[in-house]
């Protein structure tokens, strides 16, 4: 098995909560991440949520970081993501599985618009891109159109307080989204992450 190159572990909360979501998914073949960084969540999805055959994970990210990141430290992030995806593909083949990874290296609004134009749909969507509230709300609204009925969407960093400016945190956007779309969703989990299921 090939080893992965992760420099951070921001996935502990998800690792404890996401297994409870597996039974909620309409299927286990189509996954979307908005914000992928080095691919730790991508690897977990592939190894724990995805079907062994014909599954695809689509990753949308600029790989340039957000306002809280030092641009001088971003140079190696996409290279590590790419190396991790290569290792993931090799490891999946060793297990007898096959998973396709599609990386869209663009702003999330452009990447999501591309997927909407292609009429894609997903069983599971993970929103973990920009922390700025208006970006999170845009990502959520656009991604919602891509989520299958009974599909699950997870928001990261609901309780993140890394910026002193409230509108530069995800929480106001997530609160607004769950209120506005309240008749179309069921809240499955509310903690540092928020998980909702689409119930049209």
C-alpha atoms as a PDB file:
ATOM      1  CA  UNK A   1       0.000   0.000   0.000  1.00  0.00           C
ATOM      2  CA  UNK A   2       1.312   3.433  -0.910  1.00  0.00           C
ATOM      3  CA  UNK A   3       1.482   6.068   1.819  1.00  0.00           C
ATOM      4  CA  UNK A   4      -0.257   9.426   1.588  1.00  0.00           C
ATOM      5  CA  UNK A   5       1.314  12.858   2.019  1.00  0.00           C
ATOM      6  CA  UNK A   6      -0.794  14.778   4.535  1.00  0.00           C
ATOM      7  CA  UNK A   7       0.601  17.765   6.431  1.00  0.00           C
ATOM      8  CA  UNK A   8      -2.599  18.516   8.399  1.00  0.00           C
ATOM      9  CA  UNK A   9      -5.370  16.471   9.974  1.00  0.00           C
ATOM     10  CA  UNK A  10      -8.528  18.562  10.000  1.00  0.00           C
ATOM     11  CA  UNK A  11     -10.684  15.498   9.441  1.00  0.00           C
ATOM     12  CA  UNK A  12     -11.096  14.114  12.959  1.00  0.00           C
ATOM     13  CA  UNK A  13     -14.654  15.385  13.463  1.00  0.00           C
ATOM     14  CA  UNK A  14     -15.792  13.942  10.153  1.00  0.00           C
ATOM     15  CA  UNK A  15     -14.109  10.603  10.786  1.00  0.00           C
ATOM     16  CA  UNK A  16     -16.268  10.178  13.893  1.00  0.00           C
ATOM     17  CA  UNK A  17     -19.544  11.368  12.359  1.00  0.00           C
ATOM     18  CA  UNK A  18     -19.550  10.345   8.716  1.00  0.00           C
ATOM     19  CA  UNK A  19     -19.967   6.572   9.236  1.00  0.00           C
ATOM     20  CA  UNK A  20     -23.467   7.295  10.570  1.00  0.00           C
ATOM     21  CA  UNK A  21     -24.343   8.859   7.201  1.00  0.00           C
ATOM     22  CA  UNK A  22     -23.554   5.811   5.081  1.00  0.00           C
ATOM     23  CA  UNK A  23     -27.018   4.271   5.456  1.00  0.00           C
ATOM     24  CA  UNK A  24     -28.620   7.602   4.461  1.00  0.00           C
ATOM     25  CA  UNK A  25     -27.068   7.814   0.999  1.00  0.00           C
ATOM     26  CA  UNK A  26     -29.283   7.051  -2.002  1.00  0.00           C
ATOM     27  CA  UNK A  27     -26.314   5.327  -3.647  1.00  0.00           C
ATOM     28  CA  UNK A  28     -22.561   5.068  -3.186  1.00  0.00           C
ATOM     29  CA  UNK A  29     -21.186   6.056  -6.562  1.00  0.00           C
ATOM     30  CA  UNK A  30     -21.106   9.837  -6.977  1.00  0.00           C
ATOM     31  CA  UNK A  31     -19.384  12.258  -4.607  1.00  0.00           C
ATOM     32  CA  UNK A  32     -18.556  15.956  -4.771  1.00  0.00           C
ATOM     33  CA  UNK A  33     -16.116  17.952  -2.672  1.00  0.00           C
ATOM     34  CA  UNK A  34     -15.996  21.734  -2.725  1.00  0.00           C
ATOM     35  CA  UNK A  35     -12.569  22.323  -1.216  1.00  0.00           C
ATOM     36  CA  UNK A  36     -10.198  19.352  -1.239  1.00  0.00           C
ATOM     37  CA  UNK A  37      -6.817  20.660  -0.017  1.00  0.00           C
ATOM     38  CA  UNK A  38      -4.483  17.626   0.092  1.00  0.00           C
ATOM     39  CA  UNK A  39      -7.268  15.087  -0.428  1.00  0.00           C
ATOM     40  CA  UNK A  40      -7.652  13.606   3.050  1.00  0.00           C
ATOM     41  CA  UNK A  41     -11.462  13.651   2.827  1.00  0.00           C
ATOM     42  CA  UNK A  42     -11.237  12.334  -0.739  1.00  0.00           C
ATOM     43  CA  UNK A  43      -9.271   9.324   0.450  1.00  0.00           C
ATOM     44  CA  UNK A  44     -11.716   8.673   3.315  1.00  0.00           C
ATOM     45  CA  UNK A  45     -14.685   8.825   0.946  1.00  0.00           C
ATOM     46  CA  UNK A  46     -13.001   6.420  -1.457  1.00  0.00           C
ATOM     47  CA  UNK A  47     -12.102   3.959   1.283  1.00  0.00           C
ATOM     48  CA  UNK A  48     -15.328   4.147   3.308  1.00  0.00           C
ATOM     49  CA  UNK A  49     -18.264   5.536   1.327  1.00  0.00           C
ATOM     50  CA  UNK A  50     -17.668   4.746  -2.309  1.00  0.00           C
ATOM     51  CA  UNK A  51     -18.709   1.588  -4.104  1.00  0.00           C
ATOM     52  CA  UNK A  52     -15.835  -0.629  -5.128  1.00  0.00           C
ATOM     53  CA  UNK A  53     -16.705  -0.270  -8.811  1.00  0.00           C
ATOM     54  CA  UNK A  54     -17.688   2.671 -11.009  1.00  0.00           C
ATOM     55  CA  UNK A  55     -17.564   5.322  -8.291  1.00  0.00           C
ATOM     56  CA  UNK A  56     -16.452   8.880  -9.022  1.00  0.00           C
ATOM     57  CA  UNK A  57     -15.309  11.680  -6.734  1.00  0.00           C
ATOM     58  CA  UNK A  58     -15.300  15.185  -8.185  1.00  0.00           C
ATOM     59  CA  UNK A  59     -13.068  17.721  -6.437  1.00  0.00           C
ATOM     60  CA  UNK A  60     -13.523  21.460  -6.994  1.00  0.00           C
ATOM     61  CA  UNK A  61     -10.805  23.727  -5.625  1.00  0.00           C
ATOM     62  CA  UNK A  62      -8.467  26.505  -6.683  1.00  0.00           C
ATOM     63  CA  UNK A  63      -5.705  24.958  -4.544  1.00  0.00           C
ATOM     64  CA  UNK A  64      -4.658  28.545  -3.802  1.00  0.00           C
ATOM     65  CA  UNK A  65      -6.032  28.701  -0.266  1.00  0.00           C
ATOM     66  CA  UNK A  66      -8.230  31.322   1.339  1.00  0.00           C
ATOM     67  CA  UNK A  67      -7.646  34.602   3.119  1.00  0.00           C
ATOM     68  CA  UNK A  68      -6.440  32.755   6.231  1.00  0.00           C
ATOM     69  CA  UNK A  69      -3.619  31.009   4.318  1.00  0.00           C
ATOM     70  CA  UNK A  70      -0.129  32.288   3.565  1.00  0.00           C
ATOM     71  CA  UNK A  71       0.179  32.327  -0.258  1.00  0.00           C
ATOM     72  CA  UNK A  72       3.862  31.447   0.090  1.00  0.00           C
ATOM     73  CA  UNK A  73       2.936  28.137   1.684  1.00  0.00           C
ATOM     74  CA  UNK A  74       0.402  27.093  -0.949  1.00  0.00           C
ATOM     75  CA  UNK A  75       2.812  26.039  -3.667  1.00  0.00           C
ATOM     76  CA  UNK A  76       2.982  22.374  -2.689  1.00  0.00           C
ATOM     77  CA  UNK A  77      -0.671  21.739  -1.820  1.00  0.00           C
ATOM     78  CA  UNK A  78      -1.877  20.766  -5.297  1.00  0.00           C
ATOM     79  CA  UNK A  79       1.229  18.643  -5.846  1.00  0.00           C
ATOM     80  CA  UNK A  80       0.471  16.729  -2.623  1.00  0.00           C
ATOM     81  CA  UNK A  81      -3.178  16.369  -3.635  1.00  0.00           C
ATOM     82  CA  UNK A  82      -2.117  14.952  -7.005  1.00  0.00           C
ATOM     83  CA  UNK A  83       0.357  12.569  -5.379  1.00  0.00           C
ATOM     84  CA  UNK A  84      -2.293  11.421  -2.926  1.00  0.00           C
ATOM     85  CA  UNK A  85      -4.792  10.782  -5.709  1.00  0.00           C
ATOM     86  CA  UNK A  86      -2.197   8.731  -7.551  1.00  0.00           C
ATOM     87  CA  UNK A  87      -1.515   6.719  -4.383  1.00  0.00           C
ATOM     88  CA  UNK A  88      -5.254   6.306  -3.830  1.00  0.00           C
ATOM     89  CA  UNK A  89      -5.749   4.924  -7.333  1.00  0.00           C
ATOM     90  CA  UNK A  90      -2.928   2.419  -6.830  1.00  0.00           C
ATOM     91  CA  UNK A  91      -4.226   1.378  -3.399  1.00  0.00           C
ATOM     92  CA  UNK A  92      -7.765   0.928  -4.711  1.00  0.00           C
ATOM     93  CA  UNK A  93      -6.477  -1.285  -7.519  1.00  0.00           C
ATOM     94  CA  UNK A  94      -4.625  -3.428  -4.986  1.00  0.00           C
ATOM     95  CA  UNK A  95      -7.942  -3.898  -3.155  1.00  0.00           C
ATOM     96  CA  UNK A  96      -9.641  -4.901  -6.385  1.00  0.00           C
ATOM     97  CA  UNK A  97     -11.583  -1.653  -6.631  1.00  0.00           C
ATOM     98  CA  UNK A  98     -11.661   1.141  -9.145  1.00  0.00           C
ATOM     99  CA  UNK A  99     -12.489   4.769  -8.474  1.00  0.00           C
ATOM    100  CA  UNK A 100     -12.300   7.789 -10.731  1.00  0.00           C
ATOM    101  CA  UNK A 101     -11.125  11.162  -9.440  1.00  0.00           C
ATOM    102  CA  UNK A 102     -11.978  14.323 -11.352  1.00  0.00           C
ATOM    103  CA  UNK A 103     -10.254  17.525 -10.270  1.00  0.00           C
ATOM    104  CA  UNK A 104     -11.715  20.862 -11.392  1.00  0.00           C
ATOM    105  CA  UNK A 105      -9.091  23.484 -10.619  1.00  0.00           C
ATOM    106  CA  UNK A 106     -11.158  26.633 -10.613  1.00  0.00           C
ATOM    107  CA  UNK A 107     -13.225  28.914  -8.393  1.00  0.00           C
ATOM    108  CA  UNK A 108     -16.063  26.944  -6.881  1.00  0.00           C
ATOM    109  CA  UNK A 109     -18.790  29.000  -8.578  1.00  0.00           C
ATOM    110  CA  UNK A 110     -17.237  28.303 -11.981  1.00  0.00           C
ATOM    111  CA  UNK A 111     -16.646  24.625 -11.206  1.00  0.00           C
ATOM    112  CA  UNK A 112     -20.170  24.123  -9.903  1.00  0.00           C
ATOM    113  CA  UNK A 113     -21.620  25.958 -12.907  1.00  0.00           C
ATOM    114  CA  UNK A 114     -19.695  23.535 -15.137  1.00  0.00           C
ATOM    115  CA  UNK A 115     -21.196  20.556 -13.307  1.00  0.00           C
ATOM    116  CA  UNK A 116     -24.702  22.057 -13.477  1.00  0.00           C
ATOM    117  CA  UNK A 117     -24.259  22.593 -17.226  1.00  0.00           C
ATOM    118  CA  UNK A 118     -23.232  18.937 -17.547  1.00  0.00           C
ATOM    119  CA  UNK A 119     -26.400  17.939 -15.654  1.00  0.00           C
ATOM    120  CA  UNK A 120     -24.415  15.969 -13.060  1.00  0.00           C
ATOM    121  CA  UNK A 121     -25.923  14.646  -9.829  1.00  0.00           C
ATOM    122  CA  UNK A 122     -24.333  13.428  -6.615  1.00  0.00           C
ATOM    123  CA  UNK A 123     -25.194  11.142  -3.692  1.00  0.00           C
ATOM    124  CA  UNK A 124     -22.946  13.051  -1.265  1.00  0.00           C
ATOM    125  CA  UNK A 125     -21.622  16.612  -1.299  1.00  0.00           C
ATOM    126  CA  UNK A 126     -19.040  18.054   1.100  1.00  0.00           C
ATOM    127  CA  UNK A 127     -18.852  21.855   1.379  1.00  0.00           C
ATOM    128  CA  UNK A 128     -15.409  22.774   2.732  1.00  0.00           C
ATOM    129  CA  UNK A 129     -14.107  25.591   0.548  1.00  0.00           C
ATOM    130  CA  UNK A 130     -13.977  29.265   1.430  1.00  0.00           C
ATOM    131  CA  UNK A 131     -14.821  30.303   4.987  1.00  0.00           C
ATOM    132  CA  UNK A 132     -16.383  33.590   3.845  1.00  0.00           C
ATOM    133  CA  UNK A 133     -20.136  33.434   4.433  1.00  0.00           C
ATOM    134  CA  UNK A 134     -21.210  34.712   1.010  1.00  0.00           C
ATOM    135  CA  UNK A 135     -18.971  32.107  -0.673  1.00  0.00           C
ATOM    136  CA  UNK A 136     -20.313  29.295   1.514  1.00  0.00           C
ATOM    137  CA  UNK A 137     -23.906  30.295   0.745  1.00  0.00           C
ATOM    138  CA  UNK A 138     -23.176  30.452  -2.991  1.00  0.00           C
ATOM    139  CA  UNK A 139     -21.489  27.047  -2.897  1.00  0.00           C
ATOM    140  CA  UNK A 140     -24.390  25.541  -0.957  1.00  0.00           C
ATOM    141  CA  UNK A 141     -27.122  26.913  -3.205  1.00  0.00           C
ATOM    142  CA  UNK A 142     -25.362  25.853  -6.399  1.00  0.00           C
ATOM    143  CA  UNK A 143     -24.418  22.439  -5.020  1.00  0.00           C
ATOM    144  CA  UNK A 144     -27.969  21.818  -3.803  1.00  0.00           C
ATOM    145  CA  UNK A 145     -29.164  21.665  -7.413  1.00  0.00           C
ATOM    146  CA  UNK A 146     -26.620  18.877  -7.981  1.00  0.00           C
ATOM    147  CA  UNK A 147     -27.660  16.774  -4.964  1.00  0.00           C
ATOM    148  CA  UNK A 148     -29.918  13.787  -5.588  1.00  0.00           C
ATOM    149  CA  UNK A 149     -33.185  13.383  -3.748  1.00  0.00           C
ATOM    150  CA  UNK A 150     -32.295  11.729  -0.404  1.00  0.00           C
ATOM    151  CA  UNK A 151     -28.693  12.769  -0.978  1.00  0.00           C
ATOM    152  CA  UNK A 152     -26.574  14.061   1.894  1.00  0.00           C
ATOM    153  CA  UNK A 153     -24.729  17.386   2.088  1.00  0.00           C
ATOM    154  CA  UNK A 154     -22.179  18.101   4.825  1.00  0.00           C
ATOM    155  CA  UNK A 155     -20.895  21.543   5.787  1.00  0.00           C
ATOM    156  CA  UNK A 156     -17.545  21.833   7.539  1.00  0.00           C
ATOM    157  CA  UNK A 157     -16.437  24.503  10.024  1.00  0.00           C
ATOM    158  CA  UNK A 158     -19.875  25.489  11.324  1.00  0.00           C
ATOM    159  CA  UNK A 159     -18.301  26.505  14.640  1.00  0.00           C
ATOM    160  CA  UNK A 160     -15.037  27.794  13.169  1.00  0.00           C
ATOM    161  CA  UNK A 161     -13.986  31.105  14.736  1.00  0.00           C
ATOM    162  CA  UNK A 162     -10.737  31.758  12.935  1.00  0.00           C
ATOM    163  CA  UNK A 163     -11.798  35.226  11.813  1.00  0.00           C
ATOM    164  CA  UNK A 164     -12.958  38.036  14.105  1.00  0.00           C
ATOM    165  CA  UNK A 165     -15.387  39.097  11.353  1.00  0.00           C
ATOM    166  CA  UNK A 166     -18.654  37.164  11.616  1.00  0.00           C
ATOM    167  CA  UNK A 167     -19.365  37.301   7.874  1.00  0.00           C
ATOM    168  CA  UNK A 168     -15.955  35.744   7.222  1.00  0.00           C
ATOM    169  CA  UNK A 169     -17.083  32.553   8.969  1.00  0.00           C
ATOM    170  CA  UNK A 170     -19.269  29.761   7.519  1.00  0.00           C
ATOM    171  CA  UNK A 171     -21.902  29.770  10.316  1.00  0.00           C
ATOM    172  CA  UNK A 172     -24.107  32.661   9.073  1.00  0.00           C
ATOM    173  CA  UNK A 173     -24.258  31.090   5.609  1.00  0.00           C
ATOM    174  CA  UNK A 174     -25.095  27.623   6.932  1.00  0.00           C
ATOM    175  CA  UNK A 175     -27.800  29.048   9.200  1.00  0.00           C
ATOM    176  CA  UNK A 176     -29.251  31.010   6.281  1.00  0.00           C
ATOM    177  CA  UNK A 177     -29.173  27.992   3.988  1.00  0.00           C
ATOM    178  CA  UNK A 178     -30.832  25.598   6.438  1.00  0.00           C
ATOM    179  CA  UNK A 179     -33.524  28.215   7.124  1.00  0.00           C
ATOM    180  CA  UNK A 180     -34.250  29.078   3.493  1.00  0.00           C
ATOM    181  CA  UNK A 181     -34.231  25.452   2.337  1.00  0.00           C
ATOM    182  CA  UNK A 182     -35.788  24.143   5.545  1.00  0.00           C
ATOM    183  CA  UNK A 183     -38.776  22.588   3.774  1.00  0.00           C
ATOM    184  CA  UNK A 184     -36.473  20.577   1.513  1.00  0.00           C
ATOM    185  CA  UNK A 185     -34.046  19.172   4.053  1.00  0.00           C
ATOM    186  CA  UNK A 186     -33.707  17.122   7.196  1.00  0.00           C
ATOM    187  CA  UNK A 187     -30.894  17.968   9.603  1.00  0.00           C
ATOM    188  CA  UNK A 188     -29.002  14.767  10.369  1.00  0.00           C
ATOM    189  CA  UNK A 189     -26.240  16.252  12.515  1.00  0.00           C
ATOM    190  CA  UNK A 190     -25.494  19.641  14.034  1.00  0.00           C
ATOM    191  CA  UNK A 191     -22.086  20.154  15.611  1.00  0.00           C
ATOM    192  CA  UNK A 192     -18.751  21.371  14.286  1.00  0.00           C
ATOM    193  CA  UNK A 193     -20.068  19.942  11.037  1.00  0.00           C
ATOM    194  CA  UNK A 194     -23.683  20.137   9.864  1.00  0.00           C
ATOM    195  CA  UNK A 195     -25.152  17.300   7.795  1.00  0.00           C
ATOM    196  CA  UNK A 196     -28.467  17.591   5.969  1.00  0.00           C
ATOM    197  CA  UNK A 197     -30.444  15.236   3.767  1.00  0.00           C
ATOM    198  CA  UNK A 198     -32.439  16.414   0.756  1.00  0.00           C
ATOM    199  CA  UNK A 199     -36.103  15.483   1.171  1.00  0.00           C
ATOM    200  CA  UNK A 200     -38.166  16.999  -1.647  1.00  0.00           C
END
